[in-house]
Amino acid sequence: MRIDFLFWRGCPSHPEARELLDDVLAARGIEAEVVEQEVFSEEEARELAFPGSPTVRVDGRDVDPEGASARPALTCRIYYLPDGRSSPVPSRRQLEEALAWPSPLEPTHRSSTCPE
């Protein structure tokens, strides 16, 4: 599992998001590579399809697929909590659900008891 943590230093919420990510990984006993990448320019934001800071992707998939479709920009990102309130960081639930997704990088195995 690979986790990309993209951020823009101009947004003050990225340390809180990184701490939350680390807490969720520890609570679930997941040892994963977390690759931090600072985004420095609007051009780089476009190249990375960066919808704002912080952005967390698990095996290339955004933890908030709906928010991932926002126009790439060097800005703070807005996440929406299950109750509709906005937040500058993803919810614990969004992170937990994303970490539970099957990895597209791992091969799928068929059970030997399944009929062909």
C-alpha atoms as a PDB file:
ATOM      1  CA  MET A   1       0.000   0.000   0.000  1.00  0.00           C
ATOM      2  CA  ARG A   2       1.263   3.438  -0.911  1.00  0.00           C
ATOM      3  CA  ILE A   3      -0.134   6.624   0.572  1.00  0.00           C
ATOM      4  CA  ASP A   4       0.547   9.969  -1.055  1.00  0.00           C
ATOM      5  CA  PHE A   5       0.205  13.011   1.187  1.00  0.00           C
ATOM      6  CA  LEU A   6       0.221  16.152  -0.928  1.00  0.00           C
ATOM      7  CA  PHE A   7       0.212  19.571   0.677  1.00  0.00           C
ATOM      8  CA  TRP A   8       0.787  23.261   0.151  1.00  0.00           C
ATOM      9  CA  ARG A   9       2.675  24.986   2.953  1.00  0.00           C
ATOM     10  CA  GLY A  10       0.366  28.025   2.674  1.00  0.00           C
ATOM     11  CA  CYS A  11      -2.497  25.960   4.066  1.00  0.00           C
ATOM     12  CA  PRO A  12      -2.280  25.615   7.859  1.00  0.00           C
ATOM     13  CA  SER A  13      -4.285  22.366   8.109  1.00  0.00           C
ATOM     14  CA  HIS A  14      -1.765  19.942   6.614  1.00  0.00           C
ATOM     15  CA  PRO A  15      -0.008  19.144   9.946  1.00  0.00           C
ATOM     16  CA  GLU A  16      -3.385  18.239  11.499  1.00  0.00           C
ATOM     17  CA  ALA A  17      -4.236  16.013   8.527  1.00  0.00           C
ATOM     18  CA  ARG A  18      -0.867  14.250   8.682  1.00  0.00           C
ATOM     19  CA  GLU A  19      -1.295  13.638  12.422  1.00  0.00           C
ATOM     20  CA  LEU A  20      -4.780  12.208  11.829  1.00  0.00           C
ATOM     21  CA  LEU A  21      -3.455   9.956   9.064  1.00  0.00           C
ATOM     22  CA  ASP A  22      -0.671   8.685  11.334  1.00  0.00           C
ATOM     23  CA  ASP A  23      -3.198   8.049  14.149  1.00  0.00           C
ATOM     24  CA  VAL A  24      -5.494   6.049  11.852  1.00  0.00           C
ATOM     25  CA  LEU A  25      -2.578   4.000  10.489  1.00  0.00           C
ATOM     26  CA  ALA A  26      -1.376   3.226  14.028  1.00  0.00           C
ATOM     27  CA  ALA A  27      -4.868   2.348  15.288  1.00  0.00           C
ATOM     28  CA  ARG A  28      -5.373  -0.073  12.395  1.00  0.00           C
ATOM     29  CA  GLY A  29      -1.866  -1.529  12.686  1.00  0.00           C
ATOM     30  CA  ILE A  30      -1.036  -0.586   9.106  1.00  0.00           C
ATOM     31  CA  GLU A  31       2.559  -0.119   8.112  1.00  0.00           C
ATOM     32  CA  ALA A  32       2.492   1.726   4.822  1.00  0.00           C
ATOM     33  CA  GLU A  33       4.784   3.953   2.861  1.00  0.00           C
ATOM     34  CA  VAL A  34       3.596   7.561   3.226  1.00  0.00           C
ATOM     35  CA  VAL A  35       5.108   9.780   0.565  1.00  0.00           C
ATOM     36  CA  GLU A  36       4.894  13.471   1.400  1.00  0.00           C
ATOM     37  CA  GLN A  37       4.965  15.864  -1.513  1.00  0.00           C
ATOM     38  CA  GLU A  38       4.853  19.606  -1.169  1.00  0.00           C
ATOM     39  CA  VAL A  39       3.171  21.395  -4.069  1.00  0.00           C
ATOM     40  CA  PHE A  40       4.901  24.670  -4.902  1.00  0.00           C
ATOM     41  CA  SER A  41       3.104  26.207  -7.892  1.00  0.00           C
ATOM     42  CA  GLU A  42      -0.179  26.398  -9.792  1.00  0.00           C
ATOM     43  CA  GLU A  43       1.523  24.588 -12.680  1.00  0.00           C
ATOM     44  CA  GLU A  44       2.558  21.739 -10.395  1.00  0.00           C
ATOM     45  CA  ALA A  45      -0.974  21.650  -8.932  1.00  0.00           C
ATOM     46  CA  ARG A  46      -2.347  21.112 -12.454  1.00  0.00           C
ATOM     47  CA  GLU A  47       0.261  18.443 -13.283  1.00  0.00           C
ATOM     48  CA  LEU A  48      -0.595  16.528 -10.081  1.00  0.00           C
ATOM     49  CA  ALA A  49      -4.385  17.077 -10.369  1.00  0.00           C
ATOM     50  CA  PHE A  50      -4.063  18.606  -6.894  1.00  0.00           C
ATOM     51  CA  PRO A  51      -7.494  19.824  -5.713  1.00  0.00           C
ATOM     52  CA  GLY A  52      -6.058  21.561  -2.639  1.00  0.00           C
ATOM     53  CA  SER A  53      -4.189  21.016   0.574  1.00  0.00           C
ATOM     54  CA  PRO A  54      -4.106  18.531   2.106  1.00  0.00           C
ATOM     55  CA  THR A  55      -4.792  15.742  -0.393  1.00  0.00           C
ATOM     56  CA  VAL A  56      -4.436  12.098   0.644  1.00  0.00           C
ATOM     57  CA  ARG A  57      -4.377   9.300  -1.924  1.00  0.00           C
ATOM     58  CA  VAL A  58      -4.259   5.590  -1.151  1.00  0.00           C
ATOM     59  CA  ASP A  59      -2.769   3.571  -4.007  1.00  0.00           C
ATOM     60  CA  GLY A  60      -3.494   6.512  -6.285  1.00  0.00           C
ATOM     61  CA  ARG A  61      -7.133   6.967  -5.228  1.00  0.00           C
ATOM     62  CA  ASP A  62      -8.235  10.110  -3.400  1.00  0.00           C
ATOM     63  CA  VAL A  63      -9.780   9.480   0.036  1.00  0.00           C
ATOM     64  CA  ASP A  64     -12.551  11.876  -1.040  1.00  0.00           C
ATOM     65  CA  PRO A  65     -13.361  10.946  -4.649  1.00  0.00           C
ATOM     66  CA  GLU A  66     -16.045  13.632  -4.893  1.00  0.00           C
ATOM     67  CA  GLY A  67     -13.671  16.381  -3.779  1.00  0.00           C
ATOM     68  CA  ALA A  68     -10.937  15.076  -6.067  1.00  0.00           C
ATOM     69  CA  SER A  69     -12.840  16.440  -9.058  1.00  0.00           C
ATOM     70  CA  ALA A  70     -12.302  20.054  -7.942  1.00  0.00           C
ATOM     71  CA  ARG A  71     -10.255  22.270 -10.239  1.00  0.00           C
ATOM     72  CA  PRO A  72      -6.544  21.836  -9.477  1.00  0.00           C
ATOM     73  CA  ALA A  73      -5.248  24.808  -7.512  1.00  0.00           C
ATOM     74  CA  LEU A  74      -2.752  25.965  -4.928  1.00  0.00           C
ATOM     75  CA  THR A  75      -5.371  26.423  -2.217  1.00  0.00           C
ATOM     76  CA  CYS A  76      -6.726  24.935   0.993  1.00  0.00           C
ATOM     77  CA  ARG A  77      -9.053  22.016   0.412  1.00  0.00           C
ATOM     78  CA  ILE A  78     -12.511  21.602   1.883  1.00  0.00           C
ATOM     79  CA  TYR A  79     -13.771  18.201   2.974  1.00  0.00           C
ATOM     80  CA  TYR A  80     -17.391  17.508   3.898  1.00  0.00           C
ATOM     81  CA  LEU A  81     -18.196  15.490   6.999  1.00  0.00           C
ATOM     82  CA  PRO A  82     -21.044  12.934   7.047  1.00  0.00           C
ATOM     83  CA  ASP A  83     -23.283  15.479   8.828  1.00  0.00           C
ATOM     84  CA  GLY A  84     -22.720  18.053   6.067  1.00  0.00           C
ATOM     85  CA  ARG A  85     -20.328  20.345   7.941  1.00  0.00           C
ATOM     86  CA  SER A  86     -17.135  21.388   6.195  1.00  0.00           C
ATOM     87  CA  SER A  87     -13.663  20.536   7.468  1.00  0.00           C
ATOM     88  CA  PRO A  88     -10.114  21.461   6.423  1.00  0.00           C
ATOM     89  CA  VAL A  89      -9.020  17.820   6.795  1.00  0.00           C
ATOM     90  CA  PRO A  90     -10.540  14.484   5.780  1.00  0.00           C
ATOM     91  CA  SER A  91     -12.606  12.720   8.399  1.00  0.00           C
ATOM     92  CA  ARG A  92     -11.262   9.735  10.302  1.00  0.00           C
ATOM     93  CA  ARG A  93     -13.990   7.690   8.604  1.00  0.00           C
ATOM     94  CA  GLN A  94     -12.870   8.757   5.104  1.00  0.00           C
ATOM     95  CA  LEU A  95      -9.323   7.688   5.912  1.00  0.00           C
ATOM     96  CA  GLU A  96     -10.404   4.368   7.451  1.00  0.00           C
ATOM     97  CA  GLU A  97     -12.626   3.535   4.473  1.00  0.00           C
ATOM     98  CA  ALA A  98      -9.875   4.426   1.994  1.00  0.00           C
ATOM     99  CA  LEU A  99      -7.377   2.238   3.842  1.00  0.00           C
ATOM    100  CA  ALA A 100      -9.824  -0.680   3.640  1.00  0.00           C
ATOM    101  CA  TRP A 101     -10.156  -0.481  -0.176  1.00  0.00           C
ATOM    102  CA  PRO A 102      -8.655  -3.426  -2.025  1.00  0.00           C
ATOM    103  CA  SER A 103      -5.397  -2.379  -3.584  1.00  0.00           C
ATOM    104  CA  PRO A 104      -5.368  -2.227  -7.388  1.00  0.00           C
ATOM    105  CA  LEU A 105      -1.661  -3.043  -7.142  1.00  0.00           C
ATOM    106  CA  GLU A 106      -2.192  -6.445  -5.524  1.00  0.00           C
ATOM    107  CA  PRO A 107      -3.193  -9.442  -7.644  1.00  0.00           C
ATOM    108  CA  THR A 108      -6.580 -10.937  -7.026  1.00  0.00           C
ATOM    109  CA  HIS A 109      -6.636 -14.610  -6.112  1.00  0.00           C
ATOM    110  CA  ARG A 110      -9.357 -17.053  -6.955  1.00  0.00           C
ATOM    111  CA  SER A 111     -10.455 -19.618  -4.479  1.00  0.00           C
ATOM    112  CA  SER A 112      -9.700 -23.166  -5.570  1.00  0.00           C
ATOM    113  CA  THR A 113     -13.206 -24.185  -4.490  1.00  0.00           C
ATOM    114  CA  CYS A 114     -14.922 -21.816  -6.941  1.00  0.00           C
ATOM    115  CA  PRO A 115     -16.334 -23.515 -10.037  1.00  0.00           C
ATOM    116  CA  GLU A 116     -15.003 -22.253 -13.348  1.00  0.00           C
END
